[in-house]
Amino acid sequence: MRSGGQALTEFALAAPVFFALVLLTLEGGRLYFTWACLTEASREGARTAVLASTTSTTPVVNASLGLTAWTGVTSANVALARNGSTVSGSFSKQRGDLMTVTITFTYTVTIAQPLVANWPGLPFASLPITVRTQMRAEG
């Protein structure tokens, strides 16, 4: 009978650490997935921006939002620059111009939120993520 009490005590000590590691692992996977989607969205936006037929920021932003709308990214989070200068609305470009799409997003911890609030030493409840893709304009 005494071994049953010992096992219960060991479980009570080990279970919170185990569940915390599981939650943090899931949160890390979610963070990586979000970062990967944002990166792919910036690539799609840059690919749209370099097309000769693109003369407005609207299709660039729409291409980016198509992959990231589920994260909460809005058009205000997507920026387009031509040769280092930010553009908005209609723009013109020449072959070889450097088009840059930048997506800035603040990732909020949700799965492990109870851990962040109650566990001193976890340094964040949200993380800023900035992804940038540059491509040369087509002719």
N, C-alpha and C. Protein backbone atom coordinates (compact mmCIF):
# COMPACT_ATOMS: atom_id res chain seq x y z
N MET A 1 0.80 -1.19 0.00
CA MET A 1 0.00 0.00 0.00
C MET A 1 0.85 1.27 0.00
N ARG A 2 2.00 1.24 0.63
CA ARG A 2 2.82 2.44 0.70
C ARG A 2 3.34 2.84 -0.68
N SER A 3 3.56 1.87 -1.57
CA SER A 3 4.07 2.22 -2.90
C SER A 3 3.05 3.01 -3.70
N GLY A 4 1.76 2.82 -3.44
CA GLY A 4 0.73 3.59 -4.12
C GLY A 4 0.82 5.06 -3.76
N GLY A 5 1.07 5.36 -2.51
CA GLY A 5 1.23 6.74 -2.06
C GLY A 5 2.49 7.36 -2.63
N GLN A 6 3.53 6.56 -2.74
CA GLN A 6 4.79 7.06 -3.30
C GLN A 6 4.61 7.39 -4.78
N ALA A 7 3.91 6.53 -5.51
CA ALA A 7 3.69 6.78 -6.93
C ALA A 7 2.84 8.04 -7.14
N LEU A 8 1.85 8.22 -6.29
CA LEU A 8 1.00 9.40 -6.39
C LEU A 8 1.82 10.67 -6.13
N THR A 9 2.70 10.63 -5.15
CA THR A 9 3.55 11.78 -4.84
C THR A 9 4.50 12.07 -6.01
N GLU A 10 5.10 11.05 -6.56
CA GLU A 10 6.00 11.25 -7.70
C GLU A 10 5.24 11.82 -8.90
N PHE A 11 4.04 11.32 -9.14
CA PHE A 11 3.23 11.84 -10.24
C PHE A 11 2.88 13.30 -9.99
N ALA A 12 2.53 13.65 -8.76
CA ALA A 12 2.16 15.03 -8.42
C ALA A 12 3.34 15.98 -8.63
N LEU A 13 4.55 15.48 -8.44
CA LEU A 13 5.73 16.31 -8.64
C LEU A 13 6.14 16.39 -10.12
N ALA A 14 5.98 15.30 -10.84
CA ALA A 14 6.45 15.25 -12.23
C ALA A 14 5.42 15.75 -13.23
N ALA A 15 4.14 15.59 -12.96
CA ALA A 15 3.10 15.94 -13.93
C ALA A 15 3.11 17.42 -14.33
N PRO A 16 3.22 18.37 -13.41
CA PRO A 16 3.21 19.77 -13.85
C PRO A 16 4.38 20.11 -14.78
N VAL A 17 5.53 19.57 -14.52
CA VAL A 17 6.70 19.82 -15.37
C VAL A 17 6.46 19.20 -16.75
N PHE A 18 5.95 17.99 -16.78
CA PHE A 18 5.67 17.32 -18.05
C PHE A 18 4.65 18.10 -18.86
N PHE A 19 3.54 18.49 -18.25
CA PHE A 19 2.50 19.23 -18.98
C PHE A 19 2.99 20.60 -19.43
N ALA A 20 3.83 21.24 -18.63
CA ALA A 20 4.40 22.52 -19.04
C ALA A 20 5.27 22.34 -20.27
N LEU A 21 6.07 21.29 -20.31
CA LEU A 21 6.91 21.02 -21.48
C LEU A 21 6.06 20.72 -22.71
N VAL A 22 4.97 19.99 -22.53
CA VAL A 22 4.08 19.69 -23.66
C VAL A 22 3.47 20.98 -24.19
N LEU A 23 2.97 21.84 -23.30
CA LEU A 23 2.37 23.11 -23.73
C LEU A 23 3.39 24.00 -24.42
N LEU A 24 4.59 24.08 -23.88
CA LEU A 24 5.62 24.91 -24.50
C LEU A 24 6.05 24.35 -25.86
N THR A 25 6.07 23.05 -26.00
CA THR A 25 6.38 22.43 -27.28
C THR A 25 5.31 22.76 -28.32
N LEU A 26 4.05 22.68 -27.92
CA LEU A 26 2.96 23.04 -28.83
C LEU A 26 3.03 24.52 -29.20
N GLU A 27 3.33 25.36 -28.24
CA GLU A 27 3.43 26.80 -28.52
C GLU A 27 4.60 27.09 -29.45
N GLY A 28 5.71 26.40 -29.25
CA GLY A 28 6.86 26.56 -30.14
C GLY A 28 6.53 26.13 -31.56
N GLY A 29 5.79 25.05 -31.71
CA GLY A 29 5.36 24.59 -33.03
C GLY A 29 4.43 25.59 -33.69
N ARG A 30 3.53 26.15 -32.92
CA ARG A 30 2.61 27.16 -33.45
C ARG A 30 3.36 28.42 -33.87
N LEU A 31 4.34 28.82 -33.07
CA LEU A 31 5.16 29.98 -33.40
C LEU A 31 5.93 29.74 -34.70
N TYR A 32 6.54 28.58 -34.84
CA TYR A 32 7.29 28.26 -36.05
C TYR A 32 6.36 28.22 -37.27
N PHE A 33 5.18 27.62 -37.13
CA PHE A 33 4.23 27.56 -38.23
C PHE A 33 3.80 28.96 -38.65
N THR A 34 3.55 29.84 -37.68
CA THR A 34 3.18 31.22 -37.98
C THR A 34 4.30 31.93 -38.72
N TRP A 35 5.53 31.77 -38.25
CA TRP A 35 6.68 32.39 -38.90
C TRP A 35 6.83 31.88 -40.34
N ALA A 36 6.66 30.57 -40.53
CA ALA A 36 6.79 29.99 -41.87
C ALA A 36 5.70 30.54 -42.81
N CYS A 37 4.48 30.68 -42.31
CA CYS A 37 3.39 31.24 -43.13
C CYS A 37 3.66 32.70 -43.48
N LEU A 38 4.18 33.47 -42.53
CA LEU A 38 4.50 34.87 -42.80
C LEU A 38 5.62 34.98 -43.83
N THR A 39 6.61 34.10 -43.73
CA THR A 39 7.71 34.10 -44.69
C THR A 39 7.20 33.77 -46.10
N GLU A 40 6.37 32.76 -46.19
CA GLU A 40 5.80 32.39 -47.50
C GLU A 40 4.93 33.51 -48.05
N ALA A 41 4.19 34.18 -47.20
CA ALA A 41 3.34 35.29 -47.64
C ALA A 41 4.19 36.45 -48.17
N SER A 42 5.32 36.72 -47.53
CA SER A 42 6.18 37.80 -48.04
C SER A 42 6.79 37.40 -49.38
N ARG A 43 7.09 36.14 -49.57
CA ARG A 43 7.59 35.67 -50.87
C ARG A 43 6.53 35.81 -51.95
N GLU A 44 5.29 35.44 -51.63
CA GLU A 44 4.20 35.57 -52.60
C GLU A 44 3.96 37.04 -52.94
N GLY A 45 4.01 37.90 -51.92
CA GLY A 45 3.84 39.33 -52.17
C GLY A 45 4.94 39.89 -53.04
N ALA A 46 6.18 39.49 -52.77
CA ALA A 46 7.32 39.97 -53.56
C ALA A 46 7.22 39.44 -54.99
N ARG A 47 6.81 38.20 -55.15
CA ARG A 47 6.67 37.64 -56.50
C ARG A 47 5.60 38.40 -57.29
N THR A 48 4.52 38.77 -56.62
CA THR A 48 3.48 39.56 -57.27
C THR A 48 4.00 40.95 -57.61
N ALA A 49 4.79 41.54 -56.71
CA ALA A 49 5.29 42.90 -56.91
C ALA A 49 6.23 43.01 -58.11
N VAL A 50 6.99 41.96 -58.40
CA VAL A 50 7.98 42.05 -59.48
C VAL A 50 7.39 41.78 -60.86
N LEU A 51 6.16 41.32 -60.92
CA LEU A 51 5.54 41.07 -62.22
C LEU A 51 5.37 42.39 -62.96
N ALA A 52 5.59 42.36 -64.26
CA ALA A 52 5.48 43.58 -65.07
C ALA A 52 4.07 44.16 -65.04
N SER A 53 3.07 43.32 -64.85
CA SER A 53 1.68 43.79 -64.85
C SER A 53 1.25 44.44 -63.54
N THR A 54 2.04 44.34 -62.49
CA THR A 54 1.67 44.90 -61.19
C THR A 54 2.09 46.36 -61.11
N THR A 55 1.10 47.24 -60.97
CA THR A 55 1.37 48.68 -60.88
C THR A 55 0.71 49.31 -59.66
N SER A 56 0.22 48.48 -58.74
CA SER A 56 -0.44 48.97 -57.54
C SER A 56 -0.08 48.06 -56.37
N THR A 57 -0.14 48.60 -55.18
CA THR A 57 0.17 47.80 -54.00
C THR A 57 -0.97 46.84 -53.64
N THR A 58 -2.16 47.07 -54.17
CA THR A 58 -3.31 46.24 -53.81
C THR A 58 -3.10 44.76 -54.10
N PRO A 59 -2.67 44.35 -55.30
CA PRO A 59 -2.46 42.91 -55.51
C PRO A 59 -1.33 42.33 -54.67
N VAL A 60 -0.35 43.15 -54.34
CA VAL A 60 0.76 42.68 -53.50
C VAL A 60 0.24 42.38 -52.10
N VAL A 61 -0.52 43.32 -51.56
CA VAL A 61 -1.08 43.13 -50.21
C VAL A 61 -2.06 41.95 -50.21
N ASN A 62 -2.90 41.86 -51.22
CA ASN A 62 -3.86 40.76 -51.29
C ASN A 62 -3.17 39.40 -51.38
N ALA A 63 -2.07 39.32 -52.13
CA ALA A 63 -1.32 38.06 -52.22
C ALA A 63 -0.75 37.67 -50.86
N SER A 64 -0.29 38.65 -50.12
CA SER A 64 0.25 38.38 -48.79
C SER A 64 -0.84 38.01 -47.81
N LEU A 65 -1.95 38.72 -47.84
CA LEU A 65 -3.03 38.45 -46.90
C LEU A 65 -3.71 37.12 -47.17
N GLY A 66 -3.67 36.66 -48.42
CA GLY A 66 -4.28 35.38 -48.75
C GLY A 66 -3.69 34.23 -47.96
N LEU A 67 -2.45 34.35 -47.57
CA LEU A 67 -1.78 33.28 -46.82
C LEU A 67 -1.72 33.54 -45.32
N THR A 68 -2.01 34.76 -44.91
CA THR A 68 -1.80 35.09 -43.49
C THR A 68 -3.02 35.64 -42.78
N ALA A 69 -4.16 35.70 -43.43
CA ALA A 69 -5.33 36.30 -42.80
C ALA A 69 -5.71 35.58 -41.51
N TRP A 70 -5.49 34.29 -41.43
CA TRP A 70 -5.85 33.51 -40.24
C TRP A 70 -5.03 33.93 -39.02
N THR A 71 -3.87 34.53 -39.23
CA THR A 71 -3.02 34.93 -38.10
C THR A 71 -3.44 36.25 -37.50
N GLY A 72 -4.23 37.02 -38.23
CA GLY A 72 -4.60 38.35 -37.77
C GLY A 72 -3.83 39.45 -38.47
N VAL A 73 -3.02 39.10 -39.47
CA VAL A 73 -2.29 40.09 -40.24
C VAL A 73 -3.29 40.92 -41.04
N THR A 74 -3.10 42.23 -41.06
CA THR A 74 -3.95 43.12 -41.83
C THR A 74 -3.10 43.84 -42.88
N SER A 75 -3.74 44.62 -43.72
CA SER A 75 -3.00 45.35 -44.75
C SER A 75 -2.03 46.35 -44.12
N ALA A 76 -2.31 46.80 -42.91
CA ALA A 76 -1.39 47.72 -42.23
C ALA A 76 -0.07 47.04 -41.85
N ASN A 77 -0.07 45.71 -41.78
CA ASN A 77 1.14 44.97 -41.43
C ASN A 77 2.04 44.69 -42.63
N VAL A 78 1.56 44.95 -43.85
CA VAL A 78 2.30 44.64 -45.06
C VAL A 78 2.81 45.94 -45.68
N ALA A 79 4.11 46.00 -45.95
CA ALA A 79 4.71 47.19 -46.56
C ALA A 79 5.46 46.79 -47.82
N LEU A 80 5.41 47.66 -48.82
CA LEU A 80 6.11 47.43 -50.07
C LEU A 80 7.08 48.58 -50.30
N ALA A 81 8.30 48.24 -50.70
CA ALA A 81 9.30 49.27 -51.00
C ALA A 81 9.91 48.98 -52.37
N ARG A 82 10.23 50.07 -53.09
CA ARG A 82 10.92 49.97 -54.37
C ARG A 82 12.25 50.67 -54.22
N ASN A 83 13.33 49.93 -54.41
CA ASN A 83 14.70 50.47 -54.26
C ASN A 83 14.89 51.17 -52.92
N GLY A 84 14.29 50.61 -51.87
CA GLY A 84 14.48 51.14 -50.52
C GLY A 84 13.50 52.20 -50.09
N SER A 85 12.66 52.68 -51.00
CA SER A 85 11.66 53.71 -50.67
C SER A 85 10.28 53.08 -50.60
N THR A 86 9.58 53.31 -49.51
CA THR A 86 8.24 52.76 -49.33
C THR A 86 7.29 53.34 -50.37
N VAL A 87 6.47 52.48 -50.95
CA VAL A 87 5.47 52.92 -51.92
C VAL A 87 4.09 52.51 -51.42
N SER A 88 3.09 53.28 -51.81
CA SER A 88 1.70 52.92 -51.52
C SER A 88 0.84 53.39 -52.68
N GLY A 89 -0.24 52.68 -52.90
CA GLY A 89 -1.10 53.00 -54.04
C GLY A 89 -0.44 52.59 -55.34
N SER A 90 -0.58 53.43 -56.36
CA SER A 90 0.01 53.14 -57.68
C SER A 90 1.50 53.45 -57.67
N PHE A 91 2.25 52.69 -58.43
CA PHE A 91 3.68 52.92 -58.55
C PHE A 91 4.15 52.43 -59.91
N SER A 92 5.32 52.90 -60.30
CA SER A 92 5.93 52.42 -61.54
C SER A 92 7.27 51.81 -61.17
N LYS A 93 7.72 50.92 -62.02
CA LYS A 93 9.02 50.28 -61.78
C LYS A 93 9.67 49.98 -63.11
N GLN A 94 10.96 49.80 -63.05
CA GLN A 94 11.72 49.43 -64.23
C GLN A 94 12.36 48.07 -63.99
N ARG A 95 12.73 47.44 -65.08
CA ARG A 95 13.40 46.15 -64.97
C ARG A 95 14.64 46.29 -64.07
N GLY A 96 14.76 45.40 -63.10
CA GLY A 96 15.91 45.42 -62.21
C GLY A 96 15.69 46.16 -60.91
N ASP A 97 14.58 46.91 -60.79
CA ASP A 97 14.30 47.58 -59.52
C ASP A 97 14.15 46.54 -58.41
N LEU A 98 14.65 46.88 -57.24
CA LEU A 98 14.57 45.97 -56.09
C LEU A 98 13.26 46.19 -55.36
N MET A 99 12.39 45.19 -55.39
CA MET A 99 11.09 45.27 -54.71
C MET A 99 11.19 44.49 -53.41
N THR A 100 10.78 45.11 -52.31
CA THR A 100 10.87 44.50 -50.99
C THR A 100 9.50 44.47 -50.35
N VAL A 101 9.09 43.30 -49.90
CA VAL A 101 7.85 43.16 -49.15
C VAL A 101 8.23 42.81 -47.72
N THR A 102 7.71 43.60 -46.78
CA THR A 102 7.97 43.39 -45.35
C THR A 102 6.65 43.18 -44.64
N ILE A 103 6.58 42.13 -43.84
CA ILE A 103 5.40 41.87 -43.02
C ILE A 103 5.84 41.92 -41.57
N THR A 104 5.19 42.77 -40.80
CA THR A 104 5.48 42.92 -39.38
C THR A 104 4.25 42.45 -38.61
N PHE A 105 4.47 41.56 -37.65
CA PHE A 105 3.35 40.95 -36.92
C PHE A 105 3.78 40.71 -35.48
N THR A 106 2.86 40.85 -34.56
CA THR A 106 3.14 40.53 -33.16
C THR A 106 2.44 39.22 -32.82
N TYR A 107 3.24 38.20 -32.56
CA TYR A 107 2.73 36.87 -32.21
C TYR A 107 2.36 36.88 -30.73
N THR A 108 1.16 36.44 -30.41
CA THR A 108 0.70 36.39 -29.02
C THR A 108 0.65 34.94 -28.56
N VAL A 109 1.24 34.68 -27.42
CA VAL A 109 1.23 33.34 -26.84
C VAL A 109 -0.20 33.03 -26.41
N THR A 110 -0.75 31.90 -26.88
CA THR A 110 -2.11 31.54 -26.49
C THR A 110 -2.19 30.18 -25.82
N ILE A 111 -1.53 29.17 -26.37
CA ILE A 111 -1.63 27.83 -25.81
C ILE A 111 -1.02 27.80 -24.41
N ALA A 112 0.14 28.38 -24.25
CA ALA A 112 0.83 28.36 -22.97
C ALA A 112 0.59 29.64 -22.16
N GLN A 113 -0.50 30.34 -22.45
CA GLN A 113 -0.79 31.60 -21.76
C GLN A 113 -0.82 31.45 -20.23
N PRO A 114 -1.44 30.40 -19.69
CA PRO A 114 -1.42 30.26 -18.23
C PRO A 114 0.00 30.14 -17.66
N LEU A 115 0.90 29.53 -18.43
CA LEU A 115 2.28 29.40 -17.97
C LEU A 115 2.99 30.74 -17.95
N VAL A 116 2.74 31.54 -18.98
CA VAL A 116 3.42 32.83 -19.08
C VAL A 116 3.00 33.74 -17.93
N ALA A 117 1.71 33.71 -17.59
CA ALA A 117 1.22 34.59 -16.53
C ALA A 117 1.68 34.15 -15.15
N ASN A 118 1.82 32.86 -14.93
CA ASN A 118 2.08 32.36 -13.58
C ASN A 118 3.48 31.80 -13.35
N TRP A 119 4.30 31.81 -14.38
CA TRP A 119 5.62 31.20 -14.25
C TRP A 119 6.68 32.28 -14.45
N PRO A 120 7.26 32.77 -13.36
CA PRO A 120 8.30 33.78 -13.53
C PRO A 120 9.50 33.19 -14.24
N GLY A 121 10.08 33.95 -15.10
CA GLY A 121 11.23 33.47 -15.85
C GLY A 121 10.92 33.30 -17.33
N LEU A 122 9.65 33.12 -17.67
CA LEU A 122 9.30 33.13 -19.09
C LEU A 122 9.24 34.59 -19.49
N PRO A 123 10.08 35.02 -20.41
CA PRO A 123 10.29 36.45 -20.62
C PRO A 123 9.28 37.15 -21.53
N PHE A 124 8.28 36.46 -22.03
CA PHE A 124 7.42 37.11 -23.02
C PHE A 124 6.00 36.59 -22.96
N ALA A 125 5.06 37.43 -23.37
CA ALA A 125 3.69 37.03 -23.62
C ALA A 125 3.38 37.23 -25.10
N SER A 126 4.26 37.97 -25.80
CA SER A 126 4.13 38.16 -27.24
C SER A 126 5.52 38.39 -27.81
N LEU A 127 5.64 38.11 -29.09
CA LEU A 127 6.92 38.27 -29.78
C LEU A 127 6.71 39.02 -31.09
N PRO A 128 7.50 40.05 -31.36
CA PRO A 128 7.41 40.70 -32.67
C PRO A 128 8.12 39.85 -33.73
N ILE A 129 7.46 39.69 -34.86
CA ILE A 129 8.04 38.95 -35.98
C ILE A 129 8.06 39.87 -37.19
N THR A 130 9.22 40.00 -37.82
CA THR A 130 9.34 40.77 -39.06
C THR A 130 10.00 39.88 -40.10
N VAL A 131 9.31 39.70 -41.22
CA VAL A 131 9.87 38.93 -42.33
C VAL A 131 9.96 39.84 -43.55
N ARG A 132 10.99 39.62 -44.35
CA ARG A 132 11.25 40.50 -45.49
C ARG A 132 11.75 39.65 -46.66
N THR A 133 11.21 39.95 -47.83
CA THR A 133 11.65 39.27 -49.05
C THR A 133 11.93 40.33 -50.10
N GLN A 134 13.07 40.19 -50.79
CA GLN A 134 13.46 41.10 -51.86
C GLN A 134 13.61 40.34 -53.16
N MET A 135 13.09 40.94 -54.24
CA MET A 135 13.25 40.38 -55.58
C MET A 135 13.42 41.52 -56.57
N ARG A 136 14.06 41.22 -57.69
CA ARG A 136 14.25 42.20 -58.76
C ARG A 136 13.06 42.20 -59.70
N ALA A 137 12.65 43.38 -60.14
CA ALA A 137 11.50 43.53 -61.03
C ALA A 137 11.80 42.94 -62.41
N GLU A 138 10.79 42.34 -62.98
CA GLU A 138 10.90 41.80 -64.33
C GLU A 138 10.68 42.91 -65.34
N GLY A 139 11.07 42.66 -66.57
CA GLY A 139 10.89 43.67 -67.61
C GLY A 139 9.62 43.56 -68.35
